[in-house]
Amino acid sequence: MADITRDEVRRIAELARLGLDPSEEETLARQLGRIVEAMEQLSQVDTSGVEPLAHVLLDLTNVTRPDDPRSAAGRDELLAAAPDRNGEFLRVPRVIE
């Protein structure tokens, strides 16, 4: 089994902003060790004859709708829907002090 120490788990937890108790650290150390072992096994597989894929679904196509131009709503119509306005302008909460 790949040796993942509790110190390494604590460091990863700190980077991920996770609070772990000691029993969780031990459990995660074992689980991460098994994951690293699985990756090491995969790295031993001969992939020299396998072409790289961009996606596992080779015939994947993008589905789009036609871009049908249409007239936009008028200014008065849009301003009528505004929650707060001042004449022709929208009023928004102050952001900068």
C-alpha atoms as a PDB file:
ATOM      1  CA  MET A   1       0.000   0.000   0.000  1.00  0.00           C
ATOM      2  CA  ALA A   2       1.238   3.498  -0.815  1.00  0.00           C
ATOM      3  CA  ASP A   3       2.219   5.302   2.340  1.00  0.00           C
ATOM      4  CA  ILE A   4       0.178   8.459   2.820  1.00  0.00           C
ATOM      5  CA  THR A   5       0.974   9.891   6.221  1.00  0.00           C
ATOM      6  CA  ARG A   6      -1.436  11.597   8.574  1.00  0.00           C
ATOM      7  CA  ASP A   7       0.685  14.749   8.198  1.00  0.00           C
ATOM      8  CA  GLU A   8       0.031  14.697   4.443  1.00  0.00           C
ATOM      9  CA  VAL A   9      -3.682  14.205   5.085  1.00  0.00           C
ATOM     10  CA  ARG A  10      -3.669  17.144   7.523  1.00  0.00           C
ATOM     11  CA  ARG A  11      -1.931  19.311   4.915  1.00  0.00           C
ATOM     12  CA  ILE A  12      -4.442  18.351   2.214  1.00  0.00           C
ATOM     13  CA  ALA A  13      -7.315  18.983   4.639  1.00  0.00           C
ATOM     14  CA  GLU A  14      -5.845  22.375   5.489  1.00  0.00           C
ATOM     15  CA  LEU A  15      -5.603  23.312   1.801  1.00  0.00           C
ATOM     16  CA  ALA A  16      -9.206  22.181   1.271  1.00  0.00           C
ATOM     17  CA  ARG A  17     -10.311  24.030   4.427  1.00  0.00           C
ATOM     18  CA  LEU A  18     -11.611  20.809   5.990  1.00  0.00           C
ATOM     19  CA  GLY A  19     -11.727  20.167   9.690  1.00  0.00           C
ATOM     20  CA  LEU A  20     -10.899  16.523  10.403  1.00  0.00           C
ATOM     21  CA  ASP A  21     -10.736  14.631  13.653  1.00  0.00           C
ATOM     22  CA  PRO A  22      -7.932  12.064  14.199  1.00  0.00           C
ATOM     23  CA  SER A  23     -10.086   9.060  13.249  1.00  0.00           C
ATOM     24  CA  GLU A  24     -10.996  10.715   9.944  1.00  0.00           C
ATOM     25  CA  GLU A  25      -7.323  11.461   9.260  1.00  0.00           C
ATOM     26  CA  GLU A  26      -6.450   7.792   9.673  1.00  0.00           C
ATOM     27  CA  THR A  27      -9.338   6.671   7.458  1.00  0.00           C
ATOM     28  CA  LEU A  28      -8.468   9.169   4.748  1.00  0.00           C
ATOM     29  CA  ALA A  29      -4.796   8.191   4.858  1.00  0.00           C
ATOM     30  CA  ARG A  30      -5.762   4.559   4.122  1.00  0.00           C
ATOM     31  CA  GLN A  31      -8.240   5.542   1.402  1.00  0.00           C
ATOM     32  CA  LEU A  32      -5.815   7.917  -0.311  1.00  0.00           C
ATOM     33  CA  GLY A  33      -3.146   5.218  -0.159  1.00  0.00           C
ATOM     34  CA  ARG A  34      -5.443   2.814  -2.002  1.00  0.00           C
ATOM     35  CA  ILE A  35      -6.211   5.470  -4.623  1.00  0.00           C
ATOM     36  CA  VAL A  36      -2.491   6.073  -5.214  1.00  0.00           C
ATOM     37  CA  GLU A  37      -1.966   2.314  -5.561  1.00  0.00           C
ATOM     38  CA  ALA A  38      -4.731   2.118  -8.169  1.00  0.00           C
ATOM     39  CA  MET A  39      -3.120   4.950 -10.133  1.00  0.00           C
ATOM     40  CA  GLU A  40       0.242   3.177  -9.978  1.00  0.00           C
ATOM     41  CA  GLN A  41      -1.373   0.034 -11.410  1.00  0.00           C
ATOM     42  CA  LEU A  42      -2.932   2.057 -14.217  1.00  0.00           C
ATOM     43  CA  SER A  43       0.418   3.640 -15.068  1.00  0.00           C
ATOM     44  CA  GLN A  44       1.814   0.139 -15.733  1.00  0.00           C
ATOM     45  CA  VAL A  45      -0.747  -0.584 -18.477  1.00  0.00           C
ATOM     46  CA  ASP A  46       0.711  -0.540 -22.007  1.00  0.00           C
ATOM     47  CA  THR A  47      -1.163   2.184 -23.914  1.00  0.00           C
ATOM     48  CA  SER A  48       1.309   2.552 -26.788  1.00  0.00           C
ATOM     49  CA  GLY A  49      -1.237   1.429 -29.406  1.00  0.00           C
ATOM     50  CA  VAL A  50      -4.129   3.482 -28.085  1.00  0.00           C
ATOM     51  CA  GLU A  51      -4.916   6.787 -29.730  1.00  0.00           C
ATOM     52  CA  PRO A  52      -5.743   9.671 -27.391  1.00  0.00           C
ATOM     53  CA  LEU A  53      -9.389  10.709 -27.180  1.00  0.00           C
ATOM     54  CA  ALA A  54     -10.844  14.139 -26.661  1.00  0.00           C
ATOM     55  CA  HIS A  55     -14.091  12.573 -25.511  1.00  0.00           C
ATOM     56  CA  VAL A  56     -15.287   9.004 -24.994  1.00  0.00           C
ATOM     57  CA  LEU A  57     -18.377   9.644 -27.118  1.00  0.00           C
ATOM     58  CA  LEU A  58     -16.770   9.914 -30.541  1.00  0.00           C
ATOM     59  CA  ASP A  59     -19.868  10.967 -32.461  1.00  0.00           C
ATOM     60  CA  LEU A  60     -20.820  13.692 -30.013  1.00  0.00           C
ATOM     61  CA  THR A  61     -22.226  16.780 -31.742  1.00  0.00           C
ATOM     62  CA  ASN A  62     -23.282  20.114 -30.350  1.00  0.00           C
ATOM     63  CA  VAL A  63     -27.027  20.692 -30.342  1.00  0.00           C
ATOM     64  CA  THR A  64     -27.966  24.278 -31.038  1.00  0.00           C
ATOM     65  CA  ARG A  65     -31.091  26.142 -31.958  1.00  0.00           C
ATOM     66  CA  PRO A  66     -31.306  28.435 -34.964  1.00  0.00           C
ATOM     67  CA  ASP A  67     -30.430  32.046 -34.267  1.00  0.00           C
ATOM     68  CA  ASP A  68     -33.608  33.792 -35.374  1.00  0.00           C
ATOM     69  CA  PRO A  69     -33.315  37.569 -35.180  1.00  0.00           C
ATOM     70  CA  ARG A  70     -36.256  39.351 -33.573  1.00  0.00           C
ATOM     71  CA  SER A  71     -36.894  42.805 -32.261  1.00  0.00           C
ATOM     72  CA  ALA A  72     -35.946  43.525 -28.672  1.00  0.00           C
ATOM     73  CA  ALA A  73     -38.262  45.019 -26.087  1.00  0.00           C
ATOM     74  CA  GLY A  74     -38.468  48.783 -26.131  1.00  0.00           C
ATOM     75  CA  ARG A  75     -36.893  51.050 -23.506  1.00  0.00           C
ATOM     76  CA  ASP A  76     -40.233  52.068 -21.997  1.00  0.00           C
ATOM     77  CA  GLU A  77     -41.312  48.443 -21.723  1.00  0.00           C
ATOM     78  CA  LEU A  78     -38.078  47.503 -19.946  1.00  0.00           C
ATOM     79  CA  LEU A  79     -38.195  50.503 -17.597  1.00  0.00           C
ATOM     80  CA  ALA A  80     -41.779  49.639 -16.660  1.00  0.00           C
ATOM     81  CA  ALA A  81     -40.520  46.316 -15.271  1.00  0.00           C
ATOM     82  CA  ALA A  82     -37.707  47.934 -13.230  1.00  0.00           C
ATOM     83  CA  PRO A  83     -38.162  47.746  -9.442  1.00  0.00           C
ATOM     84  CA  ASP A  84     -36.778  51.265  -8.898  1.00  0.00           C
ATOM     85  CA  ARG A  85     -36.066  53.990 -11.407  1.00  0.00           C
ATOM     86  CA  ASN A  86     -35.455  57.706 -11.740  1.00  0.00           C
ATOM     87  CA  GLY A  87     -36.889  58.914 -15.029  1.00  0.00           C
ATOM     88  CA  GLU A  88     -35.067  57.047 -17.777  1.00  0.00           C
ATOM     89  CA  PHE A  89     -32.475  55.569 -15.389  1.00  0.00           C
ATOM     90  CA  LEU A  90     -32.410  52.509 -13.164  1.00  0.00           C
ATOM     91  CA  ARG A  91     -31.728  53.090  -9.471  1.00  0.00           C
ATOM     92  CA  VAL A  92     -29.411  50.567  -7.859  1.00  0.00           C
ATOM     93  CA  PRO A  93     -27.959  50.266  -4.355  1.00  0.00           C
ATOM     94  CA  ARG A  94     -24.724  52.177  -3.757  1.00  0.00           C
ATOM     95  CA  VAL A  95     -21.690  49.901  -4.112  1.00  0.00           C
ATOM     96  CA  ILE A  96     -18.817  52.316  -3.443  1.00  0.00           C
ATOM     97  CA  GLU A  97     -18.758  54.274  -0.220  1.00  0.00           C
END
